[in-house]
């Protein structure tokens, strides 16, 4: 007992306890992260898809992202970005980029669905990352009310409360979300393209992502019941419109009155 007591008072005992605590915390974090990632759809690809995807990658993407997708001065490494990132970037036409700029802009898609899947298979084989989302989270049948609350808290500061998009700094922007497929919305949340933060399953669980998608579907289907949208930019655009229209009406009325008196 005395020997054990002396060991407890050893000057390195505190350091040993700290190291053990850090290792335990790190282990628990790794387990939680693995569980969260496991909630995503664990899409599996055949070796043929991976091989075809590698050929497509070398021919179309390696110039910027480097052989083996290890990255270069012109493009980041894609190891660990997952199939979802590839499906979003390539499936929306943002990749391959036509030119360097503040951010990749959406343009006509350059690959077929099959080729996009092959590219996703190759990148997914390089390291674990977000997978293609499960179809049950993309049906648009979640809670639109809760989705609206989550959207306003997490997304509206960039995308606007009506999901009409908005300007950011240094020539960047948050795009409007009308017309974006449910799958691409989900993939954007889990991969964080451009300046968007990553909302992993620990931040927003898959069911809540489904709720946000349902909210976006709802406001898009409703249109603008209050009249002209005016860009859905809120009181600034509405006030500017009323100011210009009001001044215009006053000028026209003034000209009409002067012409009558003369």
C-alpha atoms as a PDB file:
ATOM      1  CA  UNK A   1       0.000   0.000   0.000  1.00  0.00           C
ATOM      2  CA  UNK A   2       2.830   2.383   0.855  1.00  0.00           C
ATOM      3  CA  UNK A   3       4.521   1.639  -2.474  1.00  0.00           C
ATOM      4  CA  UNK A   4       1.272   2.347  -4.344  1.00  0.00           C
ATOM      5  CA  UNK A   5       0.830   5.579  -2.397  1.00  0.00           C
ATOM      6  CA  UNK A   6       4.352   6.686  -3.316  1.00  0.00           C
ATOM      7  CA  UNK A   7       3.614   6.037  -7.000  1.00  0.00           C
ATOM      8  CA  UNK A   8       0.507   8.206  -6.803  1.00  0.00           C
ATOM      9  CA  UNK A   9       2.664  11.065  -5.527  1.00  0.00           C
ATOM     10  CA  UNK A  10       5.207  10.628  -8.295  1.00  0.00           C
ATOM     11  CA  UNK A  11       5.745  13.929 -10.179  1.00  0.00           C
ATOM     12  CA  UNK A  12       4.915  12.232 -13.503  1.00  0.00           C
ATOM     13  CA  UNK A  13       1.599  10.858 -12.231  1.00  0.00           C
ATOM     14  CA  UNK A  14      -0.294  13.977 -13.331  1.00  0.00           C
ATOM     15  CA  UNK A  15       1.272  13.807 -16.799  1.00  0.00           C
ATOM     16  CA  UNK A  16       0.356  10.122 -17.101  1.00  0.00           C
ATOM     17  CA  UNK A  17      -3.240  10.836 -16.090  1.00  0.00           C
ATOM     18  CA  UNK A  18      -3.419  13.694 -18.615  1.00  0.00           C
ATOM     19  CA  UNK A  19      -2.114  11.462 -21.428  1.00  0.00           C
ATOM     20  CA  UNK A  20      -4.589   8.721 -20.514  1.00  0.00           C
ATOM     21  CA  UNK A  21      -7.423  11.261 -20.456  1.00  0.00           C
ATOM     22  CA  UNK A  22      -6.468  12.615 -23.893  1.00  0.00           C
ATOM     23  CA  UNK A  23      -6.238   9.111 -25.347  1.00  0.00           C
ATOM     24  CA  UNK A  24      -9.640   8.208 -23.910  1.00  0.00           C
ATOM     25  CA  UNK A  25     -11.203  11.411 -25.249  1.00  0.00           C
ATOM     26  CA  UNK A  26      -9.667  10.863 -28.679  1.00  0.00           C
ATOM     27  CA  UNK A  27     -10.899   7.274 -28.758  1.00  0.00           C
ATOM     28  CA  UNK A  28     -14.442   8.281 -27.840  1.00  0.00           C
ATOM     29  CA  UNK A  29     -14.412  11.028 -30.495  1.00  0.00           C
ATOM     30  CA  UNK A  30     -13.266   8.551 -33.141  1.00  0.00           C
ATOM     31  CA  UNK A  31     -16.059   6.147 -32.189  1.00  0.00           C
ATOM     32  CA  UNK A  32     -18.718   8.899 -32.297  1.00  0.00           C
ATOM     33  CA  UNK A  33     -17.447  10.160 -35.658  1.00  0.00           C
ATOM     34  CA  UNK A  34     -17.542   6.653 -37.082  1.00  0.00           C
ATOM     35  CA  UNK A  35     -21.098   6.160 -35.868  1.00  0.00           C
ATOM     36  CA  UNK A  36     -22.205   9.455 -37.425  1.00  0.00           C
ATOM     37  CA  UNK A  37     -20.577   8.632 -40.749  1.00  0.00           C
ATOM     38  CA  UNK A  38     -22.180   5.193 -40.681  1.00  0.00           C
ATOM     39  CA  UNK A  39     -25.602   6.852 -40.816  1.00  0.00           C
ATOM     40  CA  UNK A  40     -24.899   7.889 -44.397  1.00  0.00           C
ATOM     41  CA  UNK A  41     -25.636   5.531 -47.219  1.00  0.00           C
ATOM     42  CA  UNK A  42     -22.727   3.109 -47.500  1.00  0.00           C
ATOM     43  CA  UNK A  43     -22.716   2.980 -51.281  1.00  0.00           C
ATOM     44  CA  UNK A  44     -20.449   0.268 -52.683  1.00  0.00           C
ATOM     45  CA  UNK A  45     -18.858   0.375 -56.096  1.00  0.00           C
ATOM     46  CA  UNK A  46     -17.454  -2.339 -58.305  1.00  0.00           C
ATOM     47  CA  UNK A  47     -13.801  -2.520 -59.264  1.00  0.00           C
ATOM     48  CA  UNK A  48     -14.831  -1.828 -62.861  1.00  0.00           C
ATOM     49  CA  UNK A  49     -16.463   1.446 -61.838  1.00  0.00           C
ATOM     50  CA  UNK A  50     -13.358   2.440 -59.887  1.00  0.00           C
ATOM     51  CA  UNK A  51     -11.078   1.611 -62.842  1.00  0.00           C
ATOM     52  CA  UNK A  52     -13.228   3.540 -65.321  1.00  0.00           C
ATOM     53  CA  UNK A  53     -13.443   6.432 -62.881  1.00  0.00           C
ATOM     54  CA  UNK A  54      -9.661   6.550 -62.588  1.00  0.00           C
ATOM     55  CA  UNK A  55      -9.344   6.805 -66.371  1.00  0.00           C
ATOM     56  CA  UNK A  56     -11.866   9.652 -66.464  1.00  0.00           C
ATOM     57  CA  UNK A  57     -10.075  11.370 -63.602  1.00  0.00           C
ATOM     58  CA  UNK A  58      -6.654  11.177 -65.249  1.00  0.00           C
ATOM     59  CA  UNK A  59      -8.073  12.544 -68.503  1.00  0.00           C
ATOM     60  CA  UNK A  60     -10.196  15.353 -67.070  1.00  0.00           C
ATOM     61  CA  UNK A  61      -9.242  16.182 -63.464  1.00  0.00           C
ATOM     62  CA  UNK A  62      -5.596  15.277 -62.800  1.00  0.00           C
ATOM     63  CA  UNK A  63      -4.334  18.498 -64.423  1.00  0.00           C
ATOM     64  CA  UNK A  64      -5.566  20.456 -61.396  1.00  0.00           C
ATOM     65  CA  UNK A  65      -6.003  17.840 -58.678  1.00  0.00           C
ATOM     66  CA  UNK A  66      -2.857  15.859 -59.445  1.00  0.00           C
ATOM     67  CA  UNK A  67      -2.325  12.174 -60.149  1.00  0.00           C
ATOM     68  CA  UNK A  68      -3.910  10.100 -57.432  1.00  0.00           C
ATOM     69  CA  UNK A  69      -6.007  13.168 -56.525  1.00  0.00           C
ATOM     70  CA  UNK A  70      -3.241  14.222 -54.151  1.00  0.00           C
ATOM     71  CA  UNK A  71      -3.683  17.888 -55.032  1.00  0.00           C
ATOM     72  CA  UNK A  72      -1.501  20.525 -56.700  1.00  0.00           C
ATOM     73  CA  UNK A  73      -1.037  24.291 -56.811  1.00  0.00           C
ATOM     74  CA  UNK A  74      -4.161  24.515 -58.966  1.00  0.00           C
ATOM     75  CA  UNK A  75      -6.518  22.276 -57.007  1.00  0.00           C
ATOM     76  CA  UNK A  76      -6.930  20.691 -53.568  1.00  0.00           C
ATOM     77  CA  UNK A  77      -6.461  17.052 -52.657  1.00  0.00           C
ATOM     78  CA  UNK A  78      -9.601  14.951 -53.052  1.00  0.00           C
ATOM     79  CA  UNK A  79      -8.516  12.149 -50.749  1.00  0.00           C
ATOM     80  CA  UNK A  80     -11.266  11.751 -48.166  1.00  0.00           C
ATOM     81  CA  UNK A  81     -13.836  14.105 -49.738  1.00  0.00           C
ATOM     82  CA  UNK A  82     -16.096  11.136 -50.498  1.00  0.00           C
ATOM     83  CA  UNK A  83     -18.462  10.233 -53.296  1.00  0.00           C
ATOM     84  CA  UNK A  84     -20.988  12.904 -52.266  1.00  0.00           C
ATOM     85  CA  UNK A  85     -18.553  15.737 -53.018  1.00  0.00           C
ATOM     86  CA  UNK A  86     -17.851  14.389 -56.501  1.00  0.00           C
ATOM     87  CA  UNK A  87     -21.528  13.813 -57.246  1.00  0.00           C
ATOM     88  CA  UNK A  88     -22.339  17.390 -56.209  1.00  0.00           C
ATOM     89  CA  UNK A  89     -19.473  19.162 -57.968  1.00  0.00           C
ATOM     90  CA  UNK A  90     -19.601  17.144 -61.187  1.00  0.00           C
ATOM     91  CA  UNK A  91     -23.369  16.594 -61.152  1.00  0.00           C
ATOM     92  CA  UNK A  92     -24.067  20.345 -61.019  1.00  0.00           C
ATOM     93  CA  UNK A  93     -21.493  21.181 -63.696  1.00  0.00           C
ATOM     94  CA  UNK A  94     -19.220  23.083 -61.319  1.00  0.00           C
ATOM     95  CA  UNK A  95     -16.410  20.675 -62.106  1.00  0.00           C
ATOM     96  CA  UNK A  96     -14.364  20.594 -64.215  1.00  0.00           C
ATOM     97  CA  UNK A  97     -13.921  24.378 -63.973  1.00  0.00           C
ATOM     98  CA  UNK A  98     -13.607  26.386 -67.182  1.00  0.00           C
ATOM     99  CA  UNK A  99     -11.270  28.906 -65.557  1.00  0.00           C
ATOM    100  CA  UNK A 100      -9.886  29.868 -62.184  1.00  0.00           C
ATOM    101  CA  UNK A 101     -12.073  32.287 -60.238  1.00  0.00           C
ATOM    102  CA  UNK A 102     -13.411  33.193 -56.791  1.00  0.00           C
ATOM    103  CA  UNK A 103     -15.541  30.036 -56.827  1.00  0.00           C
ATOM    104  CA  UNK A 104     -16.726  27.323 -59.178  1.00  0.00           C
ATOM    105  CA  UNK A 105     -19.921  28.395 -60.910  1.00  0.00           C
ATOM    106  CA  UNK A 106     -22.715  26.130 -62.062  1.00  0.00           C
ATOM    107  CA  UNK A 107     -22.751  25.380 -65.778  1.00  0.00           C
ATOM    108  CA  UNK A 108     -24.056  22.635 -68.115  1.00  0.00           C
ATOM    109  CA  UNK A 109     -23.055  19.170 -66.901  1.00  0.00           C
ATOM    110  CA  UNK A 110     -20.190  17.674 -68.913  1.00  0.00           C
ATOM    111  CA  UNK A 111     -20.482  14.033 -67.832  1.00  0.00           C
ATOM    112  CA  UNK A 112     -23.268  11.483 -67.997  1.00  0.00           C
ATOM    113  CA  UNK A 113     -24.797  10.067 -64.805  1.00  0.00           C
ATOM    114  CA  UNK A 114     -22.819   6.861 -65.350  1.00  0.00           C
ATOM    115  CA  UNK A 115     -19.525   8.729 -65.748  1.00  0.00           C
ATOM    116  CA  UNK A 116     -20.269  10.854 -62.677  1.00  0.00           C
ATOM    117  CA  UNK A 117     -20.886   7.673 -60.692  1.00  0.00           C
ATOM    118  CA  UNK A 118     -17.578   6.236 -61.926  1.00  0.00           C
ATOM    119  CA  UNK A 119     -15.680   9.365 -60.901  1.00  0.00           C
ATOM    120  CA  UNK A 120     -17.383   9.226 -57.501  1.00  0.00           C
ATOM    121  CA  UNK A 121     -16.401   5.563 -57.168  1.00  0.00           C
ATOM    122  CA  UNK A 122     -12.744   6.329 -57.862  1.00  0.00           C
ATOM    123  CA  UNK A 123     -12.532   9.237 -55.404  1.00  0.00           C
ATOM    124  CA  UNK A 124     -14.426   7.244 -52.762  1.00  0.00           C
ATOM    125  CA  UNK A 125     -11.846   4.464 -53.100  1.00  0.00           C
ATOM    126  CA  UNK A 126      -9.056   6.865 -52.099  1.00  0.00           C
ATOM    127  CA  UNK A 127     -10.331   7.489 -48.577  1.00  0.00           C
ATOM    128  CA  UNK A 128     -13.406   7.488 -46.381  1.00  0.00           C
ATOM    129  CA  UNK A 129     -15.764  10.440 -46.802  1.00  0.00           C
ATOM    130  CA  UNK A 130     -19.462  11.365 -47.124  1.00  0.00           C
ATOM    131  CA  UNK A 131     -21.311   8.879 -49.307  1.00  0.00           C
ATOM    132  CA  UNK A 132     -24.237   9.395 -51.674  1.00  0.00           C
ATOM    133  CA  UNK A 133     -27.222  10.070 -49.368  1.00  0.00           C
ATOM    134  CA  UNK A 134     -29.857   7.449 -48.717  1.00  0.00           C
ATOM    135  CA  UNK A 135     -32.999   7.938 -50.809  1.00  0.00           C
ATOM    136  CA  UNK A 136     -35.228   7.952 -47.713  1.00  0.00           C
ATOM    137  CA  UNK A 137     -33.842  11.347 -46.747  1.00  0.00           C
ATOM    138  CA  UNK A 138     -34.545  12.825 -50.174  1.00  0.00           C
ATOM    139  CA  UNK A 139     -38.287  12.205 -50.483  1.00  0.00           C
ATOM    140  CA  UNK A 140     -39.306  15.703 -49.364  1.00  0.00           C
ATOM    141  CA  UNK A 141     -41.726  14.320 -46.780  1.00  0.00           C
ATOM    142  CA  UNK A 142     -40.132  15.693 -43.638  1.00  0.00           C
ATOM    143  CA  UNK A 143     -41.352  18.413 -41.279  1.00  0.00           C
ATOM    144  CA  UNK A 144     -41.383  21.657 -43.301  1.00  0.00           C
ATOM    145  CA  UNK A 145     -42.007  23.816 -40.210  1.00  0.00           C
ATOM    146  CA  UNK A 146     -39.006  22.435 -38.345  1.00  0.00           C
ATOM    147  CA  UNK A 147     -37.000  22.554 -41.562  1.00  0.00           C
ATOM    148  CA  UNK A 148     -37.799  26.251 -41.915  1.00  0.00           C
ATOM    149  CA  UNK A 149     -36.544  26.945 -38.393  1.00  0.00           C
ATOM    150  CA  UNK A 150     -33.336  25.018 -39.033  1.00  0.00           C
ATOM    151  CA  UNK A 151     -32.817  26.780 -42.364  1.00  0.00           C
ATOM    152  CA  UNK A 152     -33.235  30.241 -40.851  1.00  0.00           C
ATOM    153  CA  UNK A 153     -30.799  29.426 -38.039  1.00  0.00           C
ATOM    154  CA  UNK A 154     -28.108  27.732 -40.156  1.00  0.00           C
ATOM    155  CA  UNK A 155     -28.495  28.849 -43.762  1.00  0.00           C
ATOM    156  CA  UNK A 156     -30.480  32.091 -44.168  1.00  0.00           C
ATOM    157  CA  UNK A 157     -27.572  34.391 -43.325  1.00  0.00           C
ATOM    158  CA  UNK A 158     -25.976  33.438 -46.665  1.00  0.00           C
ATOM    159  CA  UNK A 159     -28.763  31.985 -48.808  1.00  0.00           C
ATOM    160  CA  UNK A 160     -31.457  34.500 -47.730  1.00  0.00           C
ATOM    161  CA  UNK A 161     -34.558  33.542 -45.730  1.00  0.00           C
ATOM    162  CA  UNK A 162     -36.360  32.792 -48.999  1.00  0.00           C
ATOM    163  CA  UNK A 163     -33.384  30.745 -50.328  1.00  0.00           C
ATOM    164  CA  UNK A 164     -32.899  33.352 -53.059  1.00  0.00           C
ATOM    165  CA  UNK A 165     -29.130  33.507 -52.566  1.00  0.00           C
ATOM    166  CA  UNK A 166     -26.912  36.441 -51.664  1.00  0.00           C
ATOM    167  CA  UNK A 167     -23.550  38.109 -52.149  1.00  0.00           C
ATOM    168  CA  UNK A 168     -20.504  37.216 -50.061  1.00  0.00           C
ATOM    169  CA  UNK A 169     -17.019  38.736 -49.940  1.00  0.00           C
ATOM    170  CA  UNK A 170     -14.297  38.845 -52.623  1.00  0.00           C
ATOM    171  CA  UNK A 171     -16.624  38.134 -55.520  1.00  0.00           C
ATOM    172  CA  UNK A 172     -18.114  35.004 -53.955  1.00  0.00           C
ATOM    173  CA  UNK A 173     -21.807  34.326 -53.514  1.00  0.00           C
ATOM    174  CA  UNK A 174     -24.322  31.931 -52.033  1.00  0.00           C
ATOM    175  CA  UNK A 175     -26.465  30.606 -54.900  1.00  0.00           C
ATOM    176  CA  UNK A 176     -30.242  30.527 -55.014  1.00  0.00           C
ATOM    177  CA  UNK A 177     -31.610  27.098 -54.126  1.00  0.00           C
ATOM    178  CA  UNK A 178     -34.636  27.020 -56.410  1.00  0.00           C
ATOM    179  CA  UNK A 179     -34.398  24.210 -58.932  1.00  0.00           C
ATOM    180  CA  UNK A 180     -31.614  22.379 -57.064  1.00  0.00           C
ATOM    181  CA  UNK A 181     -32.286  18.653 -56.695  1.00  0.00           C
ATOM    182  CA  UNK A 182     -32.870  17.203 -53.232  1.00  0.00           C
ATOM    183  CA  UNK A 183     -29.812  14.989 -53.583  1.00  0.00           C
ATOM    184  CA  UNK A 184     -27.534  17.917 -54.383  1.00  0.00           C
ATOM    185  CA  UNK A 185     -28.934  19.947 -51.475  1.00  0.00           C
ATOM    186  CA  UNK A 186     -28.174  17.092 -49.080  1.00  0.00           C
ATOM    187  CA  UNK A 187     -24.707  16.588 -50.566  1.00  0.00           C
ATOM    188  CA  UNK A 188     -23.928  20.287 -50.210  1.00  0.00           C
ATOM    189  CA  UNK A 189     -24.797  20.126 -46.521  1.00  0.00           C
ATOM    190  CA  UNK A 190     -22.491  17.178 -45.817  1.00  0.00           C
ATOM    191  CA  UNK A 191     -19.561  18.289 -47.994  1.00  0.00           C
ATOM    192  CA  UNK A 192     -19.541  22.109 -47.633  1.00  0.00           C
ATOM    193  CA  UNK A 193     -18.754  23.216 -51.208  1.00  0.00           C
ATOM    194  CA  UNK A 194     -17.168  26.618 -51.904  1.00  0.00           C
ATOM    195  CA  UNK A 195     -17.612  28.806 -48.798  1.00  0.00           C
ATOM    196  CA  UNK A 196     -20.356  26.707 -47.251  1.00  0.00           C
ATOM    197  CA  UNK A 197     -19.602  25.116 -43.863  1.00  0.00           C
ATOM    198  CA  UNK A 198     -19.913  21.365 -43.432  1.00  0.00           C
ATOM    199  CA  UNK A 199     -23.045  20.239 -41.585  1.00  0.00           C
ATOM    200  CA  UNK A 200     -22.162  16.684 -40.631  1.00  0.00           C
ATOM    201  CA  UNK A 201     -24.567  14.349 -38.873  1.00  0.00           C
ATOM    202  CA  UNK A 202     -23.406  15.590 -35.480  1.00  0.00           C
ATOM    203  CA  UNK A 203     -24.458  19.156 -36.397  1.00  0.00           C
ATOM    204  CA  UNK A 204     -27.638  18.370 -38.310  1.00  0.00           C
ATOM    205  CA  UNK A 205     -28.828  14.726 -38.214  1.00  0.00           C
ATOM    206  CA  UNK A 206     -30.028  13.134 -41.479  1.00  0.00           C
ATOM    207  CA  UNK A 207     -33.683  13.466 -40.466  1.00  0.00           C
ATOM    208  CA  UNK A 208     -33.251  17.207 -39.921  1.00  0.00           C
ATOM    209  CA  UNK A 209     -31.530  17.517 -43.288  1.00  0.00           C
ATOM    210  CA  UNK A 210     -34.645  15.872 -44.701  1.00  0.00           C
ATOM    211  CA  UNK A 211     -36.747  18.530 -42.915  1.00  0.00           C
ATOM    212  CA  UNK A 212     -34.693  21.343 -44.468  1.00  0.00           C
ATOM    213  CA  UNK A 213     -35.097  19.811 -47.913  1.00  0.00           C
ATOM    214  CA  UNK A 214     -38.852  19.569 -47.343  1.00  0.00           C
ATOM    215  CA  UNK A 215     -38.956  23.262 -46.373  1.00  0.00           C
ATOM    216  CA  UNK A 216     -37.088  24.248 -49.543  1.00  0.00           C
ATOM    217  CA  UNK A 217     -39.434  22.131 -51.659  1.00  0.00           C
ATOM    218  CA  UNK A 218     -42.415  23.769 -49.963  1.00  0.00           C
ATOM    219  CA  UNK A 219     -41.411  27.394 -50.510  1.00  0.00           C
ATOM    220  CA  UNK A 220     -40.456  26.629 -54.111  1.00  0.00           C
ATOM    221  CA  UNK A 221     -43.830  25.025 -54.851  1.00  0.00           C
ATOM    222  CA  UNK A 222     -45.733  27.894 -53.214  1.00  0.00           C
ATOM    223  CA  UNK A 223     -44.232  30.520 -55.474  1.00  0.00           C
ATOM    224  CA  UNK A 224     -44.939  34.099 -54.391  1.00  0.00           C
ATOM    225  CA  UNK A 225     -48.481  34.309 -53.013  1.00  0.00           C
ATOM    226  CA  UNK A 226     -47.973  37.953 -52.004  1.00  0.00           C
ATOM    227  CA  UNK A 227     -47.366  39.229 -55.535  1.00  0.00           C
ATOM    228  CA  UNK A 228     -44.175  40.066 -57.442  1.00  0.00           C
ATOM    229  CA  UNK A 229     -41.089  38.494 -55.853  1.00  0.00           C
ATOM    230  CA  UNK A 230     -38.735  41.421 -56.628  1.00  0.00           C
ATOM    231  CA  UNK A 231     -35.849  38.999 -56.295  1.00  0.00           C
ATOM    232  CA  UNK A 232     -36.997  37.861 -52.828  1.00  0.00           C
ATOM    233  CA  UNK A 233     -34.314  40.149 -51.395  1.00  0.00           C
ATOM    234  CA  UNK A 234     -36.525  41.622 -48.688  1.00  0.00           C
ATOM    235  CA  UNK A 235     -37.265  45.237 -47.716  1.00  0.00           C
ATOM    236  CA  UNK A 236     -34.266  46.713 -49.567  1.00  0.00           C
ATOM    237  CA  UNK A 237     -35.440  45.731 -53.029  1.00  0.00           C
ATOM    238  CA  UNK A 238     -39.064  46.414 -52.132  1.00  0.00           C
ATOM    239  CA  UNK A 239     -38.238  49.875 -50.770  1.00  0.00           C
ATOM    240  CA  UNK A 240     -36.106  50.689 -53.818  1.00  0.00           C
ATOM    241  CA  UNK A 241     -38.893  49.609 -56.139  1.00  0.00           C
ATOM    242  CA  UNK A 242     -41.466  51.735 -54.308  1.00  0.00           C
ATOM    243  CA  UNK A 243     -39.101  54.724 -54.267  1.00  0.00           C
ATOM    244  CA  UNK A 244     -38.395  54.535 -58.012  1.00  0.00           C
ATOM    245  CA  UNK A 245     -42.027  53.808 -58.872  1.00  0.00           C
ATOM    246  CA  UNK A 246     -43.304  56.547 -56.534  1.00  0.00           C
ATOM    247  CA  UNK A 247     -40.885  59.184 -57.870  1.00  0.00           C
ATOM    248  CA  UNK A 248     -41.719  58.114 -61.425  1.00  0.00           C
ATOM    249  CA  UNK A 249     -45.444  58.515 -60.838  1.00  0.00           C
ATOM    250  CA  UNK A 250     -44.923  61.946 -59.259  1.00  0.00           C
ATOM    251  CA  UNK A 251     -42.795  63.104 -62.217  1.00  0.00           C
ATOM    252  CA  UNK A 252     -45.329  61.855 -64.749  1.00  0.00           C
ATOM    253  CA  UNK A 253     -48.203  63.478 -62.814  1.00  0.00           C
ATOM    254  CA  UNK A 254     -46.262  66.765 -62.596  1.00  0.00           C
ATOM    255  CA  UNK A 255     -45.569  66.788 -66.345  1.00  0.00           C
ATOM    256  CA  UNK A 256     -49.232  66.056 -67.022  1.00  0.00           C
ATOM    257  CA  UNK A 257     -50.360  68.926 -64.767  1.00  0.00           C
ATOM    258  CA  UNK A 258     -47.946  71.403 -66.356  1.00  0.00           C
ATOM    259  CA  UNK A 259     -48.999  70.425 -69.838  1.00  0.00           C
ATOM    260  CA  UNK A 260     -52.657  70.948 -68.865  1.00  0.00           C
ATOM    261  CA  UNK A 261     -52.091  74.465 -67.516  1.00  0.00           C
ATOM    262  CA  UNK A 262     -50.117  75.539 -70.586  1.00  0.00           C
END
